[in-house]
Amino acid sequence: MVALGAAIAALACIGAGISIGLATGKAVEAVARQPEASQKITTTLVMGCALAEATAIYGLVIGILIIFFLK
């Protein structure tokens, strides 16, 4: 059961990877349509990716805590 709980917590990493990939693709499309707005788009993309990556790190930490402290 501990391994199952850790695996479910690790799903946050998968979700973050997918969301960062989708956000990057949309940002590239936006820059292709409006090159003059690339600075603003890049800033927004970096902030969004940082938030998604923080979610992945929280999921990883929770998974590690479940594995080592709930045995």
PDB file of N, CA and C in Angstrom:
ATOM      1  N   MET A   1       0.816  -1.199   0.000  1.00  0.00           N
ATOM      2  CA  MET A   1       0.000   0.000   0.000  1.00  0.00           C
ATOM      3  C   MET A   1       0.859   1.264   0.000  1.00  0.00           C
ATOM      4  N   VAL A   2       2.024   1.168   0.633  1.00  0.00           N
ATOM      5  CA  VAL A   2       2.916   2.321   0.664  1.00  0.00           C
ATOM      6  C   VAL A   2       3.396   2.642  -0.741  1.00  0.00           C
ATOM      7  N   ALA A   3       3.751   1.615  -1.497  1.00  0.00           N
ATOM      8  CA  ALA A   3       4.227   1.832  -2.865  1.00  0.00           C
ATOM      9  C   ALA A   3       3.118   2.423  -3.736  1.00  0.00           C
ATOM     10  N   LEU A   4       1.897   1.988  -3.523  1.00  0.00           N
ATOM     11  CA  LEU A   4       0.773   2.532  -4.283  1.00  0.00           C
ATOM     12  C   LEU A   4       0.561   4.005  -3.957  1.00  0.00           C
ATOM     13  N   GLY A   5       0.653   4.356  -2.692  1.00  0.00           N
ATOM     14  CA  GLY A   5       0.521   5.764  -2.305  1.00  0.00           C
ATOM     15  C   GLY A   5       1.622   6.627  -2.881  1.00  0.00           C
ATOM     16  N   ALA A   6       2.842   6.096  -2.892  1.00  0.00           N
ATOM     17  CA  ALA A   6       3.960   6.843  -3.473  1.00  0.00           C
ATOM     18  C   ALA A   6       3.786   7.000  -4.980  1.00  0.00           C
ATOM     19  N   ALA A   7       3.276   5.966  -5.627  1.00  0.00           N
ATOM     20  CA  ALA A   7       3.050   6.055  -7.071  1.00  0.00           C
ATOM     21  C   ALA A   7       1.985   7.090  -7.402  1.00  0.00           C
ATOM     22  N   ILE A   8       0.951   7.156  -6.608  1.00  0.00           N
ATOM     23  CA  ILE A   8      -0.091   8.160  -6.825  1.00  0.00           C
ATOM     24  C   ILE A   8       0.458   9.563  -6.600  1.00  0.00           C
ATOM     25  N   ALA A   9       1.311   9.735  -5.605  1.00  0.00           N
ATOM     26  CA  ALA A   9       1.926  11.042  -5.369  1.00  0.00           C
ATOM     27  C   ALA A   9       2.864  11.420  -6.510  1.00  0.00           C
ATOM     28  N   ALA A  10       3.496  10.424  -7.129  1.00  0.00           N
ATOM     29  CA  ALA A  10       4.414  10.693  -8.232  1.00  0.00           C
ATOM     30  C   ALA A  10       3.684  11.105  -9.505  1.00  0.00           C
ATOM     31  N   LEU A  11       2.382  10.898  -9.562  1.00  0.00           N
ATOM     32  CA  LEU A  11       1.611  11.342 -10.723  1.00  0.00           C
ATOM     33  C   LEU A  11       1.683  12.856 -10.899  1.00  0.00           C
ATOM     34  N   ALA A  12       1.987  13.576  -9.840  1.00  0.00           N
ATOM     35  CA  ALA A  12       2.149  15.025  -9.944  1.00  0.00           C
ATOM     36  C   ALA A  12       3.303  15.363 -10.875  1.00  0.00           C
ATOM     37  N   CYS A  13       4.335  14.542 -10.881  1.00  0.00           N
ATOM     38  CA  CYS A  13       5.480  14.772 -11.773  1.00  0.00           C
ATOM     39  C   CYS A  13       5.077  14.579 -13.228  1.00  0.00           C
ATOM     40  N   ILE A  14       4.256  13.578 -13.491  1.00  0.00           N
ATOM     41  CA  ILE A  14       3.797  13.340 -14.855  1.00  0.00           C
ATOM     42  C   ILE A  14       2.921  14.499 -15.324  1.00  0.00           C
ATOM     43  N   GLY A  15       2.027  14.942 -14.460  1.00  0.00           N
ATOM     44  CA  GLY A  15       1.165  16.072 -14.804  1.00  0.00           C
ATOM     45  C   GLY A  15       1.941  17.348 -15.075  1.00  0.00           C
ATOM     46  N   ALA A  16       2.973  17.576 -14.286  1.00  0.00           N
ATOM     47  CA  ALA A  16       3.790  18.773 -14.497  1.00  0.00           C
ATOM     48  C   ALA A  16       4.540  18.698 -15.814  1.00  0.00           C
ATOM     49  N   GLY A  17       5.057  17.529 -16.156  1.00  0.00           N
ATOM     50  CA  GLY A  17       5.763  17.370 -17.423  1.00  0.00           C
ATOM     51  C   GLY A  17       4.854  17.612 -18.615  1.00  0.00           C
ATOM     52  N   ILE A  18       3.664  17.082 -18.552  1.00  0.00           N
ATOM     53  CA  ILE A  18       2.699  17.284 -19.636  1.00  0.00           C
ATOM     54  C   ILE A  18       2.313  18.753 -19.739  1.00  0.00           C
ATOM     55  N   SER A  19       2.049  19.391 -18.605  1.00  0.00           N
ATOM     56  CA  SER A  19       1.620  20.789 -18.640  1.00  0.00           C
ATOM     57  C   SER A  19       2.725  21.723 -19.135  1.00  0.00           C
ATOM     58  N   ILE A  20       3.959  21.450 -18.763  1.00  0.00           N
ATOM     59  CA  ILE A  20       5.064  22.284 -19.247  1.00  0.00           C
ATOM     60  C   ILE A  20       5.230  22.106 -20.750  1.00  0.00           C
ATOM     61  N   GLY A  21       5.089  20.886 -21.235  1.00  0.00           N
ATOM     62  CA  GLY A  21       5.180  20.647 -22.673  1.00  0.00           C
ATOM     63  C   GLY A  21       4.087  21.362 -23.445  1.00  0.00           C
ATOM     64  N   LEU A  22       2.863  21.290 -22.943  1.00  0.00           N
ATOM     65  CA  LEU A  22       1.759  21.984 -23.607  1.00  0.00           C
ATOM     66  C   LEU A  22       1.949  23.499 -23.570  1.00  0.00           C
ATOM     67  N   ALA A  23       2.381  24.015 -22.440  1.00  0.00           N
ATOM     68  CA  ALA A  23       2.579  25.460 -22.313  1.00  0.00           C
ATOM     69  C   ALA A  23       3.683  25.952 -23.246  1.00  0.00           C
ATOM     70  N   THR A  24       4.746  25.179 -23.371  1.00  0.00           N
ATOM     71  CA  THR A  24       5.835  25.564 -24.264  1.00  0.00           C
ATOM     72  C   THR A  24       5.372  25.563 -25.712  1.00  0.00           C
ATOM     73  N   GLY A  25       4.606  24.561 -26.090  1.00  0.00           N
ATOM     74  CA  GLY A  25       4.076  24.514 -27.451  1.00  0.00           C
ATOM     75  C   GLY A  25       3.181  25.696 -27.764  1.00  0.00           C
ATOM     76  N   LYS A  26       2.316  26.056 -26.835  1.00  0.00           N
ATOM     77  CA  LYS A  26       1.426  27.204 -27.043  1.00  0.00           C
ATOM     78  C   LYS A  26       2.209  28.514 -27.070  1.00  0.00           C
ATOM     79  N   ALA A  27       3.268  28.603 -26.270  1.00  0.00           N
ATOM     80  CA  ALA A  27       4.088  29.815 -26.279  1.00  0.00           C
ATOM     81  C   ALA A  27       4.805  29.970 -27.614  1.00  0.00           C
ATOM     82  N   VAL A  28       5.292  28.871 -28.175  1.00  0.00           N
ATOM     83  CA  VAL A  28       5.946  28.931 -29.483  1.00  0.00           C
ATOM     84  C   VAL A  28       4.951  29.364 -30.551  1.00  0.00           C
ATOM     85  N   GLU A  29       3.734  28.851 -30.488  1.00  0.00           N
ATOM     86  CA  GLU A  29       2.704  29.271 -31.436  1.00  0.00           C
ATOM     87  C   GLU A  29       2.397  30.758 -31.286  1.00  0.00           C
ATOM     88  N   ALA A  30       2.328  31.228 -30.049  1.00  0.00           N
ATOM     89  CA  ALA A  30       2.022  32.633 -29.811  1.00  0.00           C
ATOM     90  C   ALA A  30       3.137  33.540 -30.330  1.00  0.00           C
ATOM     91  N   VAL A  31       4.386  33.155 -30.132  1.00  0.00           N
ATOM     92  CA  VAL A  31       5.504  33.957 -30.633  1.00  0.00           C
ATOM     93  C   VAL A  31       5.529  33.931 -32.157  1.00  0.00           C
ATOM     94  N   ALA A  32       5.150  32.802 -32.753  1.00  0.00           N
ATOM     95  CA  ALA A  32       5.105  32.730 -34.211  1.00  0.00           C
ATOM     96  C   ALA A  32       4.037  33.657 -34.780  1.00  0.00           C
ATOM     97  N   ARG A  33       2.956  33.832 -34.046  1.00  0.00           N
ATOM     98  CA  ARG A  33       1.886  34.719 -34.520  1.00  0.00           C
ATOM     99  C   ARG A  33       2.189  36.190 -34.244  1.00  0.00           C
ATOM    100  N   GLN A  34       2.808  36.471 -33.098  1.00  0.00           N
ATOM    101  CA  GLN A  34       3.095  37.858 -32.701  1.00  0.00           C
ATOM    102  C   GLN A  34       4.514  37.953 -32.176  1.00  0.00           C
ATOM    103  N   PRO A  35       5.491  38.083 -33.062  1.00  0.00           N
ATOM    104  CA  PRO A  35       6.888  38.134 -32.608  1.00  0.00           C
ATOM    105  C   PRO A  35       7.203  39.338 -31.718  1.00  0.00           C
ATOM    106  N   GLU A  36       6.470  40.411 -31.870  1.00  0.00           N
ATOM    107  CA  GLU A  36       6.753  41.605 -31.054  1.00  0.00           C
ATOM    108  C   GLU A  36       6.376  41.419 -29.590  1.00  0.00           C
ATOM    109  N   ALA A  37       5.563  40.429 -29.286  1.00  0.00           N
ATOM    110  CA  ALA A  37       5.149  40.176 -27.902  1.00  0.00           C
ATOM    111  C   ALA A  37       5.961  39.047 -27.264  1.00  0.00           C
ATOM    112  N   SER A  38       7.088  38.697 -27.864  1.00  0.00           N
ATOM    113  CA  SER A  38       7.833  37.531 -27.382  1.00  0.00           C
ATOM    114  C   SER A  38       8.362  37.702 -25.956  1.00  0.00           C
ATOM    115  N   GLN A  39       8.755  38.910 -25.575  1.00  0.00           N
ATOM    116  CA  GLN A  39       9.273  39.126 -24.218  1.00  0.00           C
ATOM    117  C   GLN A  39       8.192  38.877 -23.168  1.00  0.00           C
ATOM    118  N   LYS A  40       7.008  39.395 -23.422  1.00  0.00           N
ATOM    119  CA  LYS A  40       5.911  39.211 -22.475  1.00  0.00           C
ATOM    120  C   LYS A  40       5.469  37.746 -22.421  1.00  0.00           C
ATOM    121  N   ILE A  41       5.441  37.093 -23.565  1.00  0.00           N
ATOM    122  CA  ILE A  41       5.054  35.686 -23.617  1.00  0.00           C
ATOM    123  C   ILE A  41       6.078  34.828 -22.880  1.00  0.00           C
ATOM    124  N   THR A  42       7.357  35.126 -23.086  1.00  0.00           N
ATOM    125  CA  THR A  42       8.411  34.350 -22.431  1.00  0.00           C
ATOM    126  C   THR A  42       8.357  34.506 -20.920  1.00  0.00           C
ATOM    127  N   THR A  43       8.113  35.729 -20.455  1.00  0.00           N
ATOM    128  CA  THR A  43       8.018  35.964 -19.012  1.00  0.00           C
ATOM    129  C   THR A  43       6.872  35.170 -18.403  1.00  0.00           C
ATOM    130  N   THR A  44       5.724  35.200 -19.057  1.00  0.00           N
ATOM    131  CA  THR A  44       4.570  34.466 -18.567  1.00  0.00           C
ATOM    132  C   THR A  44       4.823  32.956 -18.604  1.00  0.00           C
ATOM    133  N   LEU A  45       5.491  32.487 -19.652  1.00  0.00           N
ATOM    134  CA  LEU A  45       5.808  31.064 -19.773  1.00  0.00           C
ATOM    135  C   LEU A  45       6.731  30.606 -18.645  1.00  0.00           C
ATOM    136  N   VAL A  46       7.745  31.380 -18.346  1.00  0.00           N
ATOM    137  CA  VAL A  46       8.686  30.999 -17.294  1.00  0.00           C
ATOM    138  C   VAL A  46       7.984  30.950 -15.937  1.00  0.00           C
ATOM    139  N   MET A  47       7.112  31.914 -15.666  1.00  0.00           N
ATOM    140  CA  MET A  47       6.379  31.902 -14.396  1.00  0.00           C
ATOM    141  C   MET A  47       5.459  30.675 -14.299  1.00  0.00           C
ATOM    142  N   GLY A  48       4.768  30.360 -15.379  1.00  0.00           N
ATOM    143  CA  GLY A  48       3.891  29.191 -15.377  1.00  0.00           C
ATOM    144  C   GLY A  48       4.662  27.892 -15.225  1.00  0.00           C
ATOM    145  N   CYS A  49       5.795  27.790 -15.908  1.00  0.00           N
ATOM    146  CA  CYS A  49       6.618  26.580 -15.795  1.00  0.00           C
ATOM    147  C   CYS A  49       7.191  26.432 -14.388  1.00  0.00           C
ATOM    148  N   ALA A  50       7.537  27.539 -13.761  1.00  0.00           N
ATOM    149  CA  ALA A  50       8.054  27.476 -12.388  1.00  0.00           C
ATOM    150  C   ALA A  50       6.982  26.965 -11.433  1.00  0.00           C
ATOM    151  N   LEU A  51       5.752  27.417 -11.610  1.00  0.00           N
ATOM    152  CA  LEU A  51       4.669  26.933 -10.753  1.00  0.00           C
ATOM    153  C   LEU A  51       4.386  25.451 -10.985  1.00  0.00           C
ATOM    154  N   ALA A  52       4.402  25.026 -12.244  1.00  0.00           N
ATOM    155  CA  ALA A  52       4.170  23.613 -12.543  1.00  0.00           C
ATOM    156  C   ALA A  52       5.302  22.752 -11.990  1.00  0.00           C
ATOM    157  N   GLU A  53       6.519  23.230 -12.086  1.00  0.00           N
ATOM    158  CA  GLU A  53       7.664  22.475 -11.571  1.00  0.00           C
ATOM    159  C   GLU A  53       7.621  22.406 -10.042  1.00  0.00           C
ATOM    160  N   ALA A  54       7.148  23.467  -9.391  1.00  0.00           N
ATOM    161  CA  ALA A  54       7.006  23.438  -7.935  1.00  0.00           C
ATOM    162  C   ALA A  54       5.997  22.371  -7.524  1.00  0.00           C
ATOM    163  N   THR A  55       4.934  22.229  -8.296  1.00  0.00           N
ATOM    164  CA  THR A  55       3.954  21.182  -8.016  1.00  0.00           C
ATOM    165  C   THR A  55       4.590  19.801  -8.135  1.00  0.00           C
ATOM    166  N   ALA A  56       5.434  19.618  -9.149  1.00  0.00           N
ATOM    167  CA  ALA A  56       6.116  18.331  -9.320  1.00  0.00           C
ATOM    168  C   ALA A  56       7.052  18.050  -8.151  1.00  0.00           C
ATOM    169  N   ILE A  57       7.738  19.057  -7.684  1.00  0.00           N
ATOM    170  CA  ILE A  57       8.656  18.875  -6.554  1.00  0.00           C
ATOM    171  C   ILE A  57       7.882  18.521  -5.295  1.00  0.00           C
ATOM    172  N   TYR A  58       6.722  19.164  -5.083  1.00  0.00           N
ATOM    173  CA  TYR A  58       5.896  18.819  -3.925  1.00  0.00           C
ATOM    174  C   TYR A  58       5.442  17.363  -4.008  1.00  0.00           C
ATOM    175  N   GLY A  59       5.026  16.920  -5.174  1.00  0.00           N
ATOM    176  CA  GLY A  59       4.619  15.521  -5.347  1.00  0.00           C
ATOM    177  C   GLY A  59       5.762  14.564  -5.090  1.00  0.00           C
ATOM    178  N   LEU A  60       6.960  14.920  -5.555  1.00  0.00           N
ATOM    179  CA  LEU A  60       8.129  14.078  -5.325  1.00  0.00           C
ATOM    180  C   LEU A  60       8.463  13.985  -3.840  1.00  0.00           C
ATOM    181  N   VAL A  61       8.421  15.112  -3.160  1.00  0.00           N
ATOM    182  CA  VAL A  61       8.716  15.120  -1.726  1.00  0.00           C
ATOM    183  C   VAL A  61       7.692  14.291  -0.960  1.00  0.00           C
ATOM    184  N   ILE A  62       6.437  14.413  -1.306  1.00  0.00           N
ATOM    185  CA  ILE A  62       5.404  13.640  -0.629  1.00  0.00           C
ATOM    186  C   ILE A  62       5.596  12.150  -0.896  1.00  0.00           C
ATOM    187  N   GLY A  63       5.946  11.791  -2.141  1.00  0.00           N
ATOM    188  CA  GLY A  63       6.215  10.398  -2.452  1.00  0.00           C
ATOM    189  C   GLY A  63       7.369   9.837  -1.656  1.00  0.00           C
ATOM    190  N   ILE A  64       8.446  10.608  -1.522  1.00  0.00           N
ATOM    191  CA  ILE A  64       9.609  10.168  -0.742  1.00  0.00           C
ATOM    192  C   ILE A  64       9.239  10.037   0.729  1.00  0.00           C
ATOM    193  N   LEU A  65       8.476  10.989   1.257  1.00  0.00           N
ATOM    194  CA  LEU A  65       8.045  10.902   2.656  1.00  0.00           C
ATOM    195  C   LEU A  65       7.175   9.675   2.900  1.00  0.00           C
ATOM    196  N   ILE A  66       6.305   9.377   1.951  1.00  0.00           N
ATOM    197  CA  ILE A  66       5.461   8.192   2.108  1.00  0.00           C
ATOM    198  C   ILE A  66       6.307   6.932   2.133  1.00  0.00           C
ATOM    199  N   ILE A  67       7.284   6.846   1.240  1.00  0.00           N
ATOM    200  CA  ILE A  67       8.113   5.642   1.168  1.00  0.00           C
ATOM    201  C   ILE A  67       8.926   5.436   2.447  1.00  0.00           C
ATOM    202  N   PHE A  68       9.567   6.494   2.932  1.00  0.00           N
ATOM    203  CA  PHE A  68      10.505   6.319   4.038  1.00  0.00           C
ATOM    204  C   PHE A  68       9.892   6.405   5.432  1.00  0.00           C
ATOM    205  N   PHE A  69       8.761   7.096   5.578  1.00  0.00           N
ATOM    206  CA  PHE A  69       8.237   7.295   6.934  1.00  0.00           C
ATOM    207  C   PHE A  69       6.958   6.520   7.215  1.00  0.00           C
ATOM    208  N   LEU A  70       6.376   5.880   6.237  1.00  0.00           N
ATOM    209  CA  LEU A  70       5.151   5.118   6.491  1.00  0.00           C
ATOM    210  C   LEU A  70       5.358   3.610   6.332  1.00  0.00           C
ATOM    211  N   LYS A  71       6.574   3.152   6.574  1.00  0.00           N
ATOM    212  CA  LYS A  71       6.834   1.712   6.474  1.00  0.00           C
ATOM    213  C   LYS A  71       6.370   1.005   7.711  1.00  0.00           C
TER     214      LYS A  71
END
